[in-house]
Amino acid sequence: MSFTAEQLVALERALATGERRVSFGDRTVEYRTVDELIEAIGIVRRALLEQQIAAGTARRRPRRVVVNTDKAT
């Protein structure tokens, strides 16, 4: 699903003001809990990042692997 930066701003504004109802153009969504709103913000952020990566305007963060070893005696 494609999201816009304006939708992210609307979600973040709703969270900051304590609202659970968010309007996007002609659609209105009411979240049952603040946790649902926070989850929606995370989904939109990840989708926007993926859209930017696909468009070549952002890079994926490199994965980091840490290996710890212990010499058994």
N, C-alpha and C. Protein backbone atom coordinates (compact mmCIF):
# COMPACT_ATOMS: atom_id res chain seq x y z
N MET A 1 0.84 -1.17 0.00
CA MET A 1 0.00 0.00 0.00
C MET A 1 0.89 1.24 0.00
N SER A 2 0.49 2.24 -0.71
CA SER A 2 1.26 3.46 -0.83
C SER A 2 0.76 4.50 0.17
N PHE A 3 1.70 5.08 0.89
CA PHE A 3 1.38 6.12 1.87
C PHE A 3 2.07 7.41 1.47
N THR A 4 1.62 8.52 2.06
CA THR A 4 2.24 9.82 1.79
C THR A 4 2.79 10.39 3.09
N ALA A 5 3.71 11.33 2.93
CA ALA A 5 4.27 12.01 4.09
C ALA A 5 3.18 12.79 4.84
N GLU A 6 2.19 13.28 4.12
CA GLU A 6 1.10 14.01 4.76
C GLU A 6 0.30 13.10 5.69
N GLN A 7 0.13 11.85 5.30
CA GLN A 7 -0.57 10.90 6.16
C GLN A 7 0.23 10.64 7.44
N LEU A 8 1.54 10.53 7.30
CA LEU A 8 2.39 10.34 8.48
C LEU A 8 2.29 11.53 9.41
N VAL A 9 2.33 12.73 8.85
CA VAL A 9 2.22 13.95 9.66
C VAL A 9 0.88 13.98 10.39
N ALA A 10 -0.19 13.60 9.72
CA ALA A 10 -1.51 13.60 10.35
C ALA A 10 -1.57 12.60 11.50
N LEU A 11 -0.98 11.44 11.32
CA LEU A 11 -0.94 10.44 12.39
C LEU A 11 -0.13 10.93 13.58
N GLU A 12 1.04 11.50 13.30
CA GLU A 12 1.89 12.00 14.38
C GLU A 12 1.23 13.17 15.11
N ARG A 13 0.53 14.02 14.38
CA ARG A 13 -0.18 15.15 14.99
C ARG A 13 -1.29 14.64 15.91
N ALA A 14 -2.00 13.62 15.45
CA ALA A 14 -3.07 13.04 16.27
C ALA A 14 -2.50 12.45 17.55
N LEU A 15 -1.37 11.77 17.45
CA LEU A 15 -0.74 11.20 18.63
C LEU A 15 -0.31 12.30 19.60
N ALA A 16 0.28 13.36 19.07
CA ALA A 16 0.77 14.45 19.91
C ALA A 16 -0.36 15.18 20.63
N THR A 17 -1.52 15.25 20.00
CA THR A 17 -2.64 15.99 20.61
C THR A 17 -3.59 15.08 21.38
N GLY A 18 -3.34 13.77 21.35
CA GLY A 18 -4.19 12.85 22.09
C GLY A 18 -5.43 12.42 21.35
N GLU A 19 -5.53 12.77 20.08
CA GLU A 19 -6.68 12.37 19.27
C GLU A 19 -6.50 10.92 18.82
N ARG A 20 -7.62 10.25 18.59
CA ARG A 20 -7.57 8.91 18.02
C ARG A 20 -8.25 8.86 16.66
N ARG A 21 -8.78 9.98 16.23
CA ARG A 21 -9.44 10.07 14.92
C ARG A 21 -8.55 10.87 13.98
N VAL A 22 -8.30 10.29 12.80
CA VAL A 22 -7.41 10.91 11.81
C VAL A 22 -8.14 10.95 10.48
N SER A 23 -8.06 12.11 9.81
CA SER A 23 -8.69 12.26 8.49
C SER A 23 -7.62 12.40 7.42
N PHE A 24 -7.82 11.64 6.33
CA PHE A 24 -6.96 11.70 5.15
C PHE A 24 -7.86 12.04 3.98
N GLY A 25 -7.92 13.28 3.60
CA GLY A 25 -8.79 13.67 2.49
C GLY A 25 -10.24 13.42 2.84
N ASP A 26 -10.89 12.51 2.14
CA ASP A 26 -12.30 12.24 2.39
C ASP A 26 -12.51 11.04 3.31
N ARG A 27 -11.44 10.42 3.80
CA ARG A 27 -11.54 9.26 4.69
C ARG A 27 -11.20 9.65 6.12
N THR A 28 -11.89 9.05 7.07
CA THR A 28 -11.61 9.25 8.49
C THR A 28 -11.45 7.89 9.14
N VAL A 29 -10.38 7.76 9.93
CA VAL A 29 -10.11 6.52 10.64
C VAL A 29 -10.06 6.84 12.12
N GLU A 30 -10.76 6.03 12.92
CA GLU A 30 -10.69 6.20 14.38
C GLU A 30 -10.04 4.95 14.97
N TYR A 31 -8.93 5.16 15.66
CA TYR A 31 -8.19 4.06 16.27
C TYR A 31 -8.76 3.81 17.66
N ARG A 32 -8.82 2.53 18.04
CA ARG A 32 -9.41 2.19 19.33
C ARG A 32 -8.53 2.57 20.50
N THR A 33 -7.22 2.44 20.30
CA THR A 33 -6.28 2.73 21.39
C THR A 33 -5.11 3.54 20.84
N VAL A 34 -4.37 4.12 21.76
CA VAL A 34 -3.15 4.85 21.38
C VAL A 34 -2.13 3.87 20.82
N ASP A 35 -2.10 2.66 21.36
CA ASP A 35 -1.15 1.66 20.84
C ASP A 35 -1.42 1.33 19.38
N GLU A 36 -2.69 1.28 18.98
CA GLU A 36 -3.01 1.07 17.56
C GLU A 36 -2.51 2.23 16.71
N LEU A 37 -2.64 3.43 17.23
CA LEU A 37 -2.17 4.62 16.51
C LEU A 37 -0.65 4.58 16.37
N ILE A 38 0.04 4.20 17.42
CA ILE A 38 1.50 4.09 17.37
C ILE A 38 1.92 3.01 16.37
N GLU A 39 1.19 1.91 16.35
CA GLU A 39 1.48 0.84 15.39
C GLU A 39 1.27 1.32 13.96
N ALA A 40 0.21 2.08 13.73
CA ALA A 40 -0.05 2.63 12.40
C ALA A 40 1.07 3.57 11.96
N ILE A 41 1.56 4.38 12.88
CA ILE A 41 2.68 5.28 12.57
C ILE A 41 3.90 4.47 12.14
N GLY A 42 4.19 3.39 12.85
CA GLY A 42 5.32 2.54 12.49
C GLY A 42 5.16 1.92 11.12
N ILE A 43 3.96 1.47 10.81
CA ILE A 43 3.68 0.86 9.50
C ILE A 43 3.90 1.88 8.39
N VAL A 44 3.39 3.09 8.59
CA VAL A 44 3.53 4.14 7.56
C VAL A 44 4.99 4.53 7.41
N ARG A 45 5.72 4.67 8.51
CA ARG A 45 7.15 5.02 8.43
C ARG A 45 7.92 3.97 7.64
N ARG A 46 7.68 2.69 7.95
CA ARG A 46 8.39 1.62 7.24
C ARG A 46 8.02 1.62 5.75
N ALA A 47 6.75 1.82 5.45
CA ALA A 47 6.32 1.84 4.05
C ALA A 47 6.95 3.01 3.29
N LEU A 48 7.00 4.17 3.93
CA LEU A 48 7.62 5.33 3.28
C LEU A 48 9.11 5.08 3.03
N LEU A 49 9.78 4.46 3.99
CA LEU A 49 11.20 4.15 3.81
C LEU A 49 11.39 3.17 2.66
N GLU A 50 10.53 2.14 2.59
CA GLU A 50 10.62 1.18 1.49
C GLU A 50 10.36 1.85 0.14
N GLN A 51 9.43 2.81 0.10
CA GLN A 51 9.16 3.55 -1.13
C GLN A 51 10.38 4.37 -1.54
N GLN A 52 11.05 4.98 -0.55
CA GLN A 52 12.24 5.77 -0.85
C GLN A 52 13.39 4.88 -1.32
N ILE A 53 13.53 3.72 -0.72
CA ILE A 53 14.58 2.78 -1.14
C ILE A 53 14.32 2.33 -2.57
N ALA A 54 13.06 2.00 -2.88
CA ALA A 54 12.70 1.56 -4.23
C ALA A 54 12.94 2.66 -5.25
N ALA A 55 12.73 3.91 -4.86
CA ALA A 55 12.93 5.04 -5.77
C ALA A 55 14.39 5.45 -5.86
N GLY A 56 15.22 4.90 -4.98
CA GLY A 56 16.64 5.22 -4.98
C GLY A 56 16.98 6.51 -4.26
N THR A 57 16.04 7.04 -3.47
CA THR A 57 16.31 8.28 -2.73
C THR A 57 16.76 8.02 -1.31
N ALA A 58 16.77 6.77 -0.88
CA ALA A 58 17.25 6.41 0.46
C ALA A 58 17.95 5.06 0.35
N ARG A 59 18.84 4.83 1.29
CA ARG A 59 19.54 3.55 1.31
C ARG A 59 19.13 2.76 2.54
N ARG A 60 19.10 1.46 2.36
CA ARG A 60 18.80 0.57 3.47
C ARG A 60 20.01 0.57 4.41
N ARG A 61 19.73 0.61 5.70
CA ARG A 61 20.83 0.54 6.66
C ARG A 61 21.48 -0.83 6.59
N PRO A 62 22.80 -0.86 6.60
CA PRO A 62 23.47 -2.16 6.54
C PRO A 62 23.21 -2.95 7.82
N ARG A 63 23.10 -4.25 7.64
CA ARG A 63 22.90 -5.10 8.81
C ARG A 63 24.23 -5.29 9.51
N ARG A 64 24.16 -5.43 10.79
CA ARG A 64 25.37 -5.59 11.58
C ARG A 64 25.27 -6.92 12.32
N VAL A 65 26.31 -7.72 12.18
CA VAL A 65 26.35 -9.01 12.85
C VAL A 65 27.49 -8.98 13.85
N VAL A 66 27.21 -9.34 15.07
CA VAL A 66 28.22 -9.39 16.12
C VAL A 66 28.37 -10.83 16.54
N VAL A 67 29.59 -11.30 16.54
CA VAL A 67 29.86 -12.68 16.92
C VAL A 67 30.71 -12.67 18.19
N ASN A 68 30.21 -13.32 19.20
CA ASN A 68 30.96 -13.46 20.45
C ASN A 68 31.39 -14.91 20.58
N THR A 69 32.64 -15.11 20.93
CA THR A 69 33.12 -16.45 21.12
C THR A 69 33.73 -16.58 22.50
N ASP A 70 33.75 -17.79 22.99
CA ASP A 70 34.35 -18.06 24.29
C ASP A 70 35.08 -19.38 24.17
N LYS A 71 36.32 -19.36 24.56
CA LYS A 71 37.11 -20.56 24.47
C LYS A 71 36.69 -21.52 25.60
N ALA A 72 36.19 -22.67 25.20
CA ALA A 72 35.78 -23.67 26.20
C ALA A 72 37.03 -24.32 26.77
N THR A 73 37.02 -24.56 28.07
CA THR A 73 38.20 -25.18 28.68
C THR A 73 38.01 -26.65 28.91
